[in-house]
Amino acid sequence: MTAGIAAPELSTSRRVWTVSVMCTAVGLVISMVTIVNTALPTLAADTGASQAQQTWIVDVYTLVLAALVLPAGALGDRYGRRAVLVIGLLVFAVSCAAPVFADSATWLITARALTGLGAAMIMPATLSIINASFPPERRGRAIGVWAAVAGVGGLGGLILAGLLLQHFSWHSVFLGPAALAVLLVFACATVPASREHHPERFDAIGAVLSALAIGALVFGILRVADLGWTSPMVLASIAVGVLLAGLFAWFEHRHASPLLDVRLFANPALAVGSISVTVQFTAAFGALFGLAQYLQLVQGYSALKSGLVLWPIAVSLFPLSLASAHLARRIGLRALTCTGLAVVIAGILLLGRLGADSAYLELAIAVCVLGAGVGVTAPAATSAILDNVPPSKYGVASAINDATREIGAALGIALAGSVLSSTYTSSLHPSTAALPAPAREIADSSLAGALSIAGHVGPAGRPLVTAARTAFTDGMWLSMLALAGIIAAGIIATTAIGRANRR
């Protein structure tokens, strides 16, 4: 039995302010992935970070965020969502500022892990505060705005990093977010506080099991890009993650006051919403992984321009995000999900058809279509998760939404990266066979490496540039086909849930 301690009835202006602050916070969390990716080459050159250390500087943030988001959401429900949010922002700010004082690779990895901890506390709190601040009839548009910001947060990170790196050192990509996090701490003092009274003890065992299960699963997926899908470490990590997830489900089913009541997933709407969020972010982050390299290495854009040229995604994403809840009520969640995911597939395939000589209009149309698919499905999926849990579990429901996003994002990057890398290497190999072994290894490893080798040999390297860019776009097409297959599987699963529910 729980009794809610919720915010009082809020004015329209107070609700708008609350949504603005929460969206800024979640945008900051999402953007920190692409911000560091953009700064990585300069950062690595300055600190001497090895390739393995660079990988961990990027990946440890996602790993910690995904592993701890569910326990953090539950803590917010119990001890106060605003309090957990403020603590998370403070941890985020301090850890982002840490590289200014010591910039060794080991220190950076540690700081990024702490930033992931702060992010895990921030993300579920933002969505659960919005959900608790609005009556059900007004909640859809607010969640639509939150989902839209979360959807374009990675793009915002590219633009912010590009702006900072044009004028300042790589340290600025950490100091800028740290300063914004501090400002948000003060802004959060003005948003409503909400929590639920839980007389029972906190499910610490469930929290540990969930963190270990998600952590092992995400760790295995993140290692795919370096080790491949057949690596014993990858297979063992994913297998351990699945086994721990099963143990977590068994334990929670028997627990009197579980961290997460796994029976909630028997609700068709919540199940559909979880599947939808996972495959959407698989598509979005997998596509962004390929696009970031395509725009800079094939089209020759700067880091800043690479972010700016993707603006058409917002043209379709934001309006449809606001309309998503209304459309779900009109045509039903499953019909909307299947239609929206089909549009996502169309956008992904259009991106895959981009070549070295493609005009900007082709890119603009492709990202606009992708934005439309994500815009129409993401808010409806998030609402489906939140609307099918009791108010005492809003933080946990928000964490489910966030965890599926992070798992989907990791899967998208791993899938797109592994397919792109293997296809690129096999396609380029005939063109590099005559190169000395060290140069051949560098060229075959990445498009950036091939362009570097070609640059050292002058005009004679032009055929290598052409071959490398062609090999990359070939790999990009196959990687987008793989992402489209994952989304198609999501459509099939959504349809199957609908048929099972009608029986």
Protein backbone atom coordinates (compact mmCIF):
# COMPACT_ATOMS: atom_id res chain seq x y z
CA MET A 1 0.00 0.00 0.00
CA THR A 2 1.46 3.36 -1.02
CA ALA A 3 0.36 6.90 -0.54
CA GLY A 4 1.48 9.51 -3.02
CA ILE A 5 3.01 12.81 -2.03
CA ALA A 6 2.45 14.69 -5.28
CA ALA A 7 2.80 18.22 -6.50
CA PRO A 8 -0.16 20.58 -6.05
CA GLU A 9 -2.25 21.68 -9.01
CA LEU A 10 0.07 23.67 -11.26
CA SER A 11 -0.58 26.71 -13.42
CA THR A 12 -0.02 26.50 -17.16
CA SER A 13 3.12 28.63 -16.95
CA ARG A 14 4.53 26.42 -14.18
CA ARG A 15 3.91 23.31 -16.26
CA VAL A 16 5.61 24.86 -19.30
CA TRP A 17 8.60 25.80 -17.14
CA THR A 18 8.77 22.31 -15.66
CA VAL A 19 8.74 20.67 -19.10
CA SER A 20 11.42 23.10 -20.31
CA VAL A 21 13.76 22.33 -17.43
CA MET A 22 13.22 18.58 -17.66
CA CYS A 23 13.76 18.56 -21.43
CA THR A 24 16.97 20.55 -21.08
CA ALA A 25 18.22 18.02 -18.54
CA VAL A 26 17.41 14.97 -20.68
CA GLY A 27 18.85 16.66 -23.77
CA LEU A 28 22.09 17.19 -21.86
CA VAL A 29 22.26 13.51 -20.90
CA ILE A 30 21.60 12.26 -24.45
CA SER A 31 23.99 14.74 -26.06
CA MET A 32 26.96 13.66 -23.94
CA VAL A 33 27.36 10.56 -26.12
CA THR A 34 27.90 12.41 -29.41
CA ILE A 35 29.71 15.33 -27.76
CA VAL A 36 32.56 13.10 -26.64
CA ASN A 37 32.54 11.11 -29.90
CA THR A 38 33.12 14.35 -31.81
CA ALA A 39 35.97 15.46 -29.55
CA LEU A 40 37.64 12.04 -29.40
CA PRO A 41 40.30 12.52 -32.14
CA THR A 42 41.61 15.75 -30.58
CA LEU A 43 41.29 14.35 -27.08
CA ALA A 44 43.21 11.20 -27.97
CA ALA A 45 46.02 13.13 -29.67
CA ASP A 46 46.44 15.36 -26.61
CA THR A 47 46.25 12.67 -23.92
CA GLY A 48 47.91 9.81 -25.77
CA ALA A 49 44.92 7.54 -25.14
CA SER A 50 45.24 4.14 -26.81
CA GLN A 51 42.49 2.78 -29.06
CA ALA A 52 41.22 0.59 -26.21
CA GLN A 53 41.18 3.56 -23.83
CA GLN A 54 39.33 5.68 -26.41
CA THR A 55 36.69 2.98 -26.66
CA TRP A 56 36.19 3.00 -22.90
CA ILE A 57 36.09 6.81 -22.74
CA VAL A 58 33.06 6.61 -25.03
CA ASP A 59 31.41 3.37 -23.89
CA VAL A 60 31.68 3.49 -20.10
CA TYR A 61 29.16 6.34 -19.97
CA THR A 62 26.50 4.30 -21.77
CA LEU A 63 27.34 1.17 -19.77
CA VAL A 64 26.94 2.81 -16.35
CA LEU A 65 23.86 4.77 -17.41
CA ALA A 66 22.07 1.68 -18.71
CA ALA A 67 23.03 -0.49 -15.73
CA LEU A 68 21.95 1.93 -13.00
CA VAL A 69 18.93 3.68 -14.48
CA LEU A 70 16.38 1.22 -13.04
CA PRO A 71 17.63 1.39 -9.42
CA ALA A 72 17.93 5.18 -9.76
CA GLY A 73 14.32 5.45 -10.93
CA ALA A 74 13.16 3.37 -7.98
CA LEU A 75 15.12 5.58 -5.57
CA GLY A 76 13.39 8.62 -7.00
CA ASP A 77 9.96 7.08 -6.40
CA ARG A 78 10.88 6.35 -2.80
CA TYR A 79 12.98 9.31 -1.67
CA GLY A 80 11.87 12.10 -3.98
CA ARG A 81 12.27 12.51 -7.73
CA ARG A 82 13.45 16.10 -7.57
CA ALA A 83 16.02 15.26 -4.88
CA VAL A 84 17.46 12.41 -6.95
CA LEU A 85 17.49 14.67 -10.02
CA VAL A 86 19.43 17.42 -8.21
CA ILE A 87 21.97 14.93 -6.82
CA GLY A 88 22.36 13.45 -10.29
CA LEU A 89 22.98 16.89 -11.81
CA LEU A 90 25.62 17.65 -9.16
CA VAL A 91 27.41 14.35 -9.84
CA PHE A 92 27.13 15.05 -13.57
CA ALA A 93 28.59 18.55 -13.20
CA VAL A 94 31.51 17.56 -10.99
CA SER A 95 32.48 14.57 -13.13
CA CYS A 96 32.25 16.60 -16.35
CA ALA A 97 34.56 19.23 -14.88
CA ALA A 98 37.07 16.64 -13.64
CA PRO A 99 39.07 16.34 -16.94
CA VAL A 100 40.12 19.98 -16.58
CA PHE A 101 42.16 19.12 -13.47
CA ALA A 102 43.65 15.83 -14.66
CA ASP A 103 43.48 14.63 -18.24
CA SER A 104 45.10 11.20 -18.26
CA ALA A 105 43.17 8.50 -20.08
CA THR A 106 42.50 6.57 -16.86
CA TRP A 107 41.18 9.69 -15.16
CA LEU A 108 38.93 10.42 -18.15
CA ILE A 109 37.46 6.90 -18.07
CA THR A 110 36.76 7.21 -14.34
CA ALA A 111 35.17 10.64 -14.80
CA ARG A 112 33.00 9.35 -17.63
CA ALA A 113 31.79 6.46 -15.45
CA LEU A 114 30.75 8.97 -12.77
CA THR A 115 29.02 11.07 -15.43
CA GLY A 116 27.08 7.94 -16.38
CA LEU A 117 26.03 7.56 -12.75
CA GLY A 118 24.75 11.14 -12.72
CA ALA A 119 22.94 10.57 -16.00
CA ALA A 120 21.27 7.43 -14.60
CA MET A 121 19.83 9.55 -11.80
CA ILE A 122 18.74 12.36 -14.13
CA MET A 123 16.94 10.52 -16.93
CA PRO A 124 14.12 8.70 -15.11
CA ALA A 125 13.58 11.66 -12.77
CA THR A 126 12.91 14.05 -15.67
CA LEU A 127 10.18 11.93 -17.21
CA SER A 128 8.57 10.89 -13.93
CA ILE A 129 8.40 14.54 -12.76
CA ILE A 130 6.63 15.50 -15.99
CA ASN A 131 4.25 12.57 -15.63
CA ALA A 132 3.43 13.45 -12.02
CA SER A 133 2.96 17.16 -12.84
CA PHE A 134 0.27 16.75 -15.51
CA PRO A 135 -3.22 15.28 -15.37
CA PRO A 136 -3.69 12.34 -17.76
CA GLU A 137 -5.61 14.37 -20.35
CA ARG A 138 -2.72 16.88 -20.71
CA ARG A 139 0.17 14.50 -20.37
CA GLY A 140 0.46 13.39 -24.00
CA ARG A 141 1.83 16.64 -25.45
CA ALA A 142 4.29 17.09 -22.57
CA ILE A 143 5.65 13.56 -23.09
CA GLY A 144 5.75 14.27 -26.82
CA VAL A 145 8.04 17.26 -26.25
CA TRP A 146 10.25 15.20 -23.91
CA ALA A 147 10.50 12.35 -26.43
CA ALA A 148 11.29 14.76 -29.27
CA VAL A 149 14.14 16.36 -27.30
CA ALA A 150 15.45 12.92 -26.33
CA GLY A 151 15.27 11.91 -29.98
CA VAL A 152 17.32 14.84 -31.30
CA GLY A 153 19.64 15.09 -28.28
CA GLY A 154 22.41 13.29 -30.14
CA LEU A 155 22.15 15.79 -32.99
CA GLY A 156 22.30 18.63 -30.47
CA GLY A 157 25.49 17.12 -29.09
CA LEU A 158 27.10 17.15 -32.54
CA ILE A 159 26.28 20.83 -33.02
CA LEU A 160 27.38 21.87 -29.53
CA ALA A 161 30.66 19.97 -29.81
CA GLY A 162 31.33 21.44 -33.24
CA LEU A 163 30.76 24.97 -31.97
CA LEU A 164 32.99 24.49 -28.92
CA LEU A 165 35.81 22.78 -30.80
CA GLN A 166 35.92 25.55 -33.40
CA HIS A 167 36.95 28.07 -30.76
CA PHE A 168 38.29 26.14 -27.74
CA SER A 169 40.24 23.03 -26.75
CA TRP A 170 38.64 19.63 -26.21
CA HIS A 171 38.29 20.47 -22.51
CA SER A 172 35.42 22.78 -23.46
CA VAL A 173 33.17 19.85 -24.42
CA PHE A 174 33.25 18.81 -20.77
CA LEU A 175 33.17 22.26 -19.18
CA GLY A 176 30.19 23.43 -21.24
CA PRO A 177 27.89 20.58 -20.08
CA ALA A 178 29.21 20.96 -16.51
CA ALA A 179 28.21 24.63 -16.46
CA LEU A 180 24.76 23.80 -17.87
CA ALA A 181 24.27 21.08 -15.23
CA VAL A 182 25.03 23.61 -12.48
CA LEU A 183 22.45 26.03 -13.89
CA LEU A 184 19.93 23.20 -13.99
CA VAL A 185 20.52 22.48 -10.30
CA PHE A 186 19.22 25.96 -9.48
CA ALA A 187 16.39 25.68 -12.02
CA CYS A 188 15.24 22.41 -10.48
CA ALA A 189 14.55 24.18 -7.17
CA THR A 190 11.53 25.72 -8.91
CA VAL A 191 9.98 22.51 -10.28
CA PRO A 192 7.45 20.48 -8.29
CA ALA A 193 8.67 17.77 -5.96
CA SER A 194 6.92 14.42 -5.95
CA ARG A 195 7.49 11.06 -4.34
CA GLU A 196 5.57 8.07 -3.09
CA HIS A 197 5.52 6.76 0.47
CA HIS A 198 6.81 3.18 0.58
CA PRO A 199 6.62 1.59 4.02
CA GLU A 200 8.28 -1.62 2.79
CA ARG A 201 12.06 -2.05 2.53
CA PHE A 202 13.88 -1.13 -0.66
CA ASP A 203 14.48 -4.13 -2.92
CA ALA A 204 18.29 -4.00 -2.83
CA ILE A 205 18.76 -7.50 -4.26
CA GLY A 206 16.52 -6.67 -7.21
CA ALA A 207 18.47 -3.45 -7.77
CA VAL A 208 21.78 -5.32 -7.85
CA LEU A 209 20.45 -8.06 -10.13
CA SER A 210 18.97 -5.54 -12.58
CA ALA A 211 22.22 -3.55 -12.68
CA LEU A 212 24.31 -6.69 -13.29
CA ALA A 213 21.93 -8.07 -15.93
CA ILE A 214 21.66 -4.88 -17.97
CA GLY A 215 25.33 -4.10 -17.43
CA ALA A 216 26.47 -7.50 -18.73
CA LEU A 217 24.13 -7.34 -21.71
CA VAL A 218 25.16 -3.81 -22.71
CA PHE A 219 28.86 -4.59 -22.11
CA GLY A 220 28.64 -7.53 -24.51
CA ILE A 221 26.87 -5.48 -27.15
CA LEU A 222 29.33 -2.60 -26.84
CA ARG A 223 32.31 -4.94 -27.36
CA VAL A 224 30.92 -6.17 -30.69
CA ALA A 225 32.44 -3.29 -32.65
CA ASP A 226 35.97 -4.25 -31.53
CA LEU A 227 35.73 -8.01 -31.13
CA GLY A 228 32.92 -9.14 -33.45
CA TRP A 229 29.76 -11.11 -32.73
CA THR A 230 31.58 -14.43 -32.47
CA SER A 231 34.04 -13.31 -29.79
CA PRO A 232 33.92 -15.53 -26.67
CA MET A 233 33.86 -12.40 -24.49
CA VAL A 234 30.89 -10.96 -26.39
CA LEU A 235 28.95 -14.23 -26.36
CA ALA A 236 29.72 -14.87 -22.69
CA SER A 237 28.71 -11.34 -21.64
CA ILE A 238 25.42 -11.48 -23.51
CA ALA A 239 24.70 -14.97 -22.19
CA VAL A 240 25.43 -13.88 -18.61
CA GLY A 241 23.20 -10.85 -19.12
CA VAL A 242 20.32 -13.01 -20.34
CA LEU A 243 20.75 -15.49 -17.46
CA LEU A 244 20.87 -12.70 -14.88
CA ALA A 245 17.79 -11.12 -16.45
CA GLY A 246 15.99 -14.44 -16.02
CA LEU A 247 17.15 -14.65 -12.41
CA PHE A 248 15.99 -11.07 -11.84
CA ALA A 249 12.55 -11.85 -13.29
CA TRP A 250 12.23 -14.98 -11.12
CA PHE A 251 13.28 -13.13 -7.97
CA GLU A 252 11.01 -10.14 -8.63
CA HIS A 253 8.03 -12.41 -9.32
CA ARG A 254 8.44 -13.98 -5.88
CA HIS A 255 9.23 -10.75 -4.02
CA ALA A 256 6.45 -9.16 -1.97
CA SER A 257 7.55 -5.60 -2.86
CA PRO A 258 9.62 -5.90 -6.05
CA LEU A 259 11.73 -3.19 -7.56
CA LEU A 260 9.99 -3.98 -10.85
CA ASP A 261 6.84 -6.07 -11.01
CA VAL A 262 7.65 -8.16 -14.09
CA ARG A 263 3.98 -9.02 -14.47
CA LEU A 264 3.53 -5.51 -15.85
CA PHE A 265 5.03 -6.75 -19.11
CA ALA A 266 1.98 -8.96 -19.58
CA ASN A 267 0.16 -5.71 -20.32
CA PRO A 268 0.10 -5.55 -24.16
CA ALA A 269 0.45 -1.76 -24.32
CA LEU A 270 3.50 -1.71 -22.06
CA ALA A 271 5.08 -4.59 -23.97
CA VAL A 272 4.47 -2.87 -27.32
CA GLY A 273 5.84 0.40 -25.97
CA SER A 274 9.02 -1.27 -24.72
CA ILE A 275 9.62 -3.06 -28.04
CA SER A 276 8.95 0.13 -29.98
CA VAL A 277 11.38 2.26 -27.96
CA THR A 278 14.10 -0.39 -28.26
CA VAL A 279 13.96 -0.73 -32.05
CA GLN A 280 13.52 3.03 -32.61
CA PHE A 281 16.77 3.76 -30.80
CA THR A 282 18.47 0.83 -32.49
CA ALA A 283 17.62 2.52 -35.78
CA ALA A 284 18.36 6.10 -34.71
CA PHE A 285 21.77 5.52 -33.12
CA GLY A 286 22.85 2.97 -35.70
CA ALA A 287 21.99 5.45 -38.46
CA LEU A 288 23.73 8.31 -36.66
CA PHE A 289 26.85 6.16 -36.25
CA GLY A 290 27.12 5.70 -40.01
CA LEU A 291 25.97 9.21 -40.89
CA ALA A 292 28.55 10.96 -38.72
CA GLN A 293 31.35 9.27 -40.66
CA TYR A 294 29.62 9.62 -44.03
CA LEU A 295 29.14 13.36 -43.68
CA GLN A 296 32.70 14.08 -42.53
CA LEU A 297 34.75 11.52 -44.45
CA VAL A 298 32.72 11.04 -47.64
CA GLN A 299 31.03 14.43 -48.06
CA GLY A 300 33.85 16.38 -46.42
CA TYR A 301 31.77 18.36 -43.90
CA SER A 302 33.27 19.73 -40.70
CA ALA A 303 32.09 18.39 -37.34
CA LEU A 304 29.86 21.44 -36.86
CA LYS A 305 28.38 21.35 -40.35
CA SER A 306 27.73 17.61 -40.01
CA GLY A 307 25.31 18.41 -37.21
CA LEU A 308 23.77 21.46 -38.85
CA VAL A 309 22.95 19.73 -42.15
CA LEU A 310 20.76 17.20 -40.31
CA TRP A 311 18.27 19.91 -39.27
CA PRO A 312 15.44 18.54 -41.50
CA ILE A 313 14.95 15.71 -39.00
CA ALA A 314 13.45 18.23 -36.57
CA VAL A 315 10.99 19.51 -39.20
CA SER A 316 9.08 16.24 -39.11
CA LEU A 317 10.00 14.92 -35.67
CA PHE A 318 8.78 17.77 -33.46
CA PRO A 319 5.28 18.32 -34.98
CA LEU A 320 4.54 14.60 -35.13
CA SER A 321 5.78 14.12 -31.56
CA LEU A 322 3.15 16.60 -30.39
CA ALA A 323 0.46 14.77 -32.38
CA SER A 324 1.56 11.25 -31.42
CA ALA A 325 -0.65 10.84 -28.34
CA HIS A 326 -3.75 12.04 -30.24
CA LEU A 327 -3.02 9.68 -33.14
CA ALA A 328 -2.58 6.75 -30.75
CA ARG A 329 -6.04 7.41 -29.29
CA ARG A 330 -7.57 7.68 -32.75
CA ILE A 331 -6.13 4.63 -34.49
CA GLY A 332 -4.75 2.57 -31.59
CA LEU A 333 -1.24 2.04 -30.25
CA ARG A 334 -0.40 -1.08 -32.26
CA ALA A 335 -1.57 0.36 -35.59
CA LEU A 336 0.34 3.58 -34.95
CA THR A 337 3.46 1.67 -33.87
CA CYS A 338 3.49 -0.57 -36.93
CA THR A 339 2.87 2.36 -39.28
CA GLY A 340 5.50 4.54 -37.63
CA LEU A 341 8.12 1.79 -37.61
CA ALA A 342 7.44 1.16 -41.30
CA VAL A 343 8.20 4.85 -41.92
CA VAL A 344 11.42 4.46 -39.91
CA ILE A 345 12.40 1.56 -42.20
CA ALA A 346 11.77 3.78 -45.23
CA GLY A 347 14.00 6.50 -43.78
CA ILE A 348 16.75 4.01 -42.94
CA LEU A 349 16.71 2.56 -46.46
CA LEU A 350 16.85 6.04 -48.00
CA LEU A 351 19.91 6.78 -45.87
CA GLY A 352 21.50 3.54 -46.99
CA ARG A 353 21.17 4.55 -50.64
CA LEU A 354 23.30 7.66 -50.16
CA GLY A 355 26.50 7.54 -52.18
CA ALA A 356 29.66 9.59 -52.53
CA ASP A 357 28.02 11.81 -55.16
CA SER A 358 24.56 12.10 -53.57
CA ALA A 359 23.03 15.59 -53.48
CA TYR A 360 22.09 17.22 -50.19
CA LEU A 361 18.39 16.98 -51.08
CA GLU A 362 18.60 13.18 -50.90
CA LEU A 363 20.04 13.39 -47.38
CA ALA A 364 17.44 15.96 -46.30
CA ILE A 365 14.55 13.80 -47.52
CA ALA A 366 15.97 10.67 -45.87
CA VAL A 367 16.45 12.24 -42.41
CA CYS A 368 13.05 13.95 -42.67
CA VAL A 369 11.38 10.57 -43.29
CA LEU A 370 13.34 9.02 -40.42
CA GLY A 371 12.31 11.89 -38.14
CA ALA A 372 8.66 11.38 -39.08
CA GLY A 373 8.78 7.72 -38.12
CA VAL A 374 10.49 8.35 -34.78
CA GLY A 375 8.30 11.37 -34.07
CA VAL A 376 5.04 9.53 -34.49
CA THR A 377 6.06 6.42 -32.54
CA ALA A 378 8.37 7.53 -29.70
CA PRO A 379 5.92 9.59 -27.58
CA ALA A 380 3.14 7.03 -27.97
CA ALA A 381 5.50 4.26 -26.88
CA THR A 382 6.71 6.24 -23.87
CA SER A 383 3.12 7.07 -22.88
CA ALA A 384 2.17 3.41 -23.18
CA ILE A 385 4.88 2.49 -20.67
CA LEU A 386 4.03 5.25 -18.20
CA ASP A 387 0.25 4.95 -18.43
CA ASN A 388 0.26 1.29 -17.46
CA VAL A 389 1.99 1.48 -14.09
CA PRO A 390 0.68 2.82 -10.78
CA PRO A 391 1.79 6.37 -9.75
CA SER A 392 4.02 4.86 -7.09
CA LYS A 393 6.17 3.38 -9.88
CA TYR A 394 6.48 6.35 -12.25
CA GLY A 395 10.23 6.47 -11.69
CA VAL A 396 10.60 2.76 -12.40
CA ALA A 397 8.43 3.08 -15.53
CA SER A 398 10.56 6.00 -16.70
CA ALA A 399 13.63 3.85 -16.08
CA ILE A 400 12.15 1.03 -18.20
CA ASN A 401 11.75 3.56 -21.00
CA ASP A 402 15.33 4.79 -20.51
CA ALA A 403 16.88 1.33 -20.22
CA THR A 404 15.24 0.16 -23.44
CA ARG A 405 16.55 3.31 -25.14
CA GLU A 406 20.11 2.63 -23.98
CA ILE A 407 19.99 -1.06 -24.91
CA GLY A 408 18.57 -0.14 -28.31
CA ALA A 409 21.22 2.55 -28.85
CA ALA A 410 24.05 0.15 -27.94
CA LEU A 411 22.60 -2.53 -30.22
CA GLY A 412 22.23 -0.07 -33.10
CA ILE A 413 25.83 1.14 -32.87
CA ALA A 414 27.15 -2.42 -32.50
CA LEU A 415 25.10 -3.77 -35.40
CA ALA A 416 25.76 -0.89 -37.78
CA GLY A 417 29.42 -0.70 -36.79
CA SER A 418 30.15 -4.41 -37.19
CA VAL A 419 28.38 -4.73 -40.57
CA LEU A 420 29.92 -1.51 -41.86
CA SER A 421 33.42 -2.48 -40.75
CA SER A 422 33.37 -6.01 -42.17
CA THR A 423 31.87 -4.92 -45.49
CA TYR A 424 34.25 -2.00 -45.85
CA THR A 425 37.33 -4.15 -45.23
CA SER A 426 36.31 -6.91 -47.65
CA SER A 427 35.30 -4.42 -50.36
CA LEU A 428 38.48 -2.34 -50.09
CA HIS A 429 40.95 -5.20 -49.76
CA PRO A 430 41.56 -5.66 -53.54
CA SER A 431 42.48 -1.96 -53.79
CA THR A 432 44.99 -2.14 -50.95
CA ALA A 433 46.61 -5.47 -51.78
CA ALA A 434 49.65 -3.79 -53.35
CA LEU A 435 50.32 -1.52 -50.36
CA PRO A 436 53.00 -2.33 -47.77
CA ALA A 437 51.59 -4.37 -44.89
CA PRO A 438 51.50 -1.54 -42.29
CA ALA A 439 49.79 0.87 -44.71
CA ARG A 440 47.38 -1.84 -45.89
CA GLU A 441 46.37 -2.59 -42.31
CA ILE A 442 45.65 1.08 -41.59
CA ALA A 443 43.67 1.57 -44.82
CA ASP A 444 41.65 -1.61 -44.35
CA SER A 445 40.76 -0.73 -40.75
CA SER A 446 38.72 2.42 -41.45
CA LEU A 447 37.86 5.05 -44.02
CA ALA A 448 39.73 7.64 -41.97
CA GLY A 449 42.81 5.42 -42.14
CA ALA A 450 42.53 4.99 -45.91
CA LEU A 451 42.20 8.75 -46.44
CA SER A 452 45.27 9.30 -44.26
CA ILE A 453 47.34 6.82 -46.27
CA ALA A 454 46.13 8.35 -49.54
CA GLY A 455 47.05 11.82 -48.34
CA HIS A 456 50.65 10.77 -47.76
CA VAL A 457 51.17 9.63 -51.35
CA GLY A 458 49.69 12.69 -53.06
CA PRO A 459 47.88 12.45 -56.44
CA ALA A 460 48.71 8.74 -56.68
CA GLY A 461 46.38 8.17 -53.75
CA ARG A 462 43.24 9.37 -55.53
CA PRO A 463 42.17 5.87 -56.70
CA LEU A 464 42.46 4.69 -53.10
CA VAL A 465 40.25 7.58 -51.93
CA THR A 466 37.59 6.69 -54.51
CA ALA A 467 37.75 2.98 -53.69
CA ALA A 468 37.61 3.61 -49.94
CA ARG A 469 34.61 5.92 -50.16
CA THR A 470 32.81 3.46 -52.41
CA ALA A 471 33.57 0.62 -49.99
CA PHE A 472 32.25 2.71 -47.12
CA THR A 473 28.96 3.54 -48.84
CA ASP A 474 28.55 -0.13 -49.78
CA GLY A 475 29.02 -1.04 -46.13
CA MET A 476 26.65 1.72 -45.05
CA TRP A 477 23.93 0.28 -47.30
CA LEU A 478 24.29 -3.20 -45.79
CA SER A 479 24.39 -1.80 -42.25
CA MET A 480 21.14 0.06 -42.89
CA LEU A 481 19.60 -3.14 -44.24
CA ALA A 482 20.57 -4.86 -40.98
CA LEU A 483 18.95 -2.06 -38.96
CA ALA A 484 15.83 -2.29 -41.12
CA GLY A 485 15.68 -6.01 -40.31
CA ILE A 486 15.67 -5.27 -36.56
CA ILE A 487 12.84 -2.76 -37.01
CA ALA A 488 10.89 -5.26 -39.14
CA ALA A 489 11.26 -7.77 -36.30
CA GLY A 490 9.77 -5.13 -33.99
CA ILE A 491 6.77 -4.76 -36.29
CA ILE A 492 6.29 -8.55 -36.35
CA ALA A 493 6.50 -8.72 -32.53
CA THR A 494 4.00 -5.86 -32.17
CA THR A 495 1.57 -7.59 -34.54
CA ALA A 496 1.97 -10.90 -32.69
CA ILE A 497 1.20 -9.23 -29.36
CA GLY A 498 -1.93 -7.73 -30.87
CA ARG A 499 -3.14 -11.08 -32.21
CA ALA A 500 -2.40 -12.85 -28.92
CA ASN A 501 -4.33 -10.18 -27.03
CA ARG A 502 -7.42 -10.65 -29.20
CA ARG A 503 -7.64 -14.38 -28.45
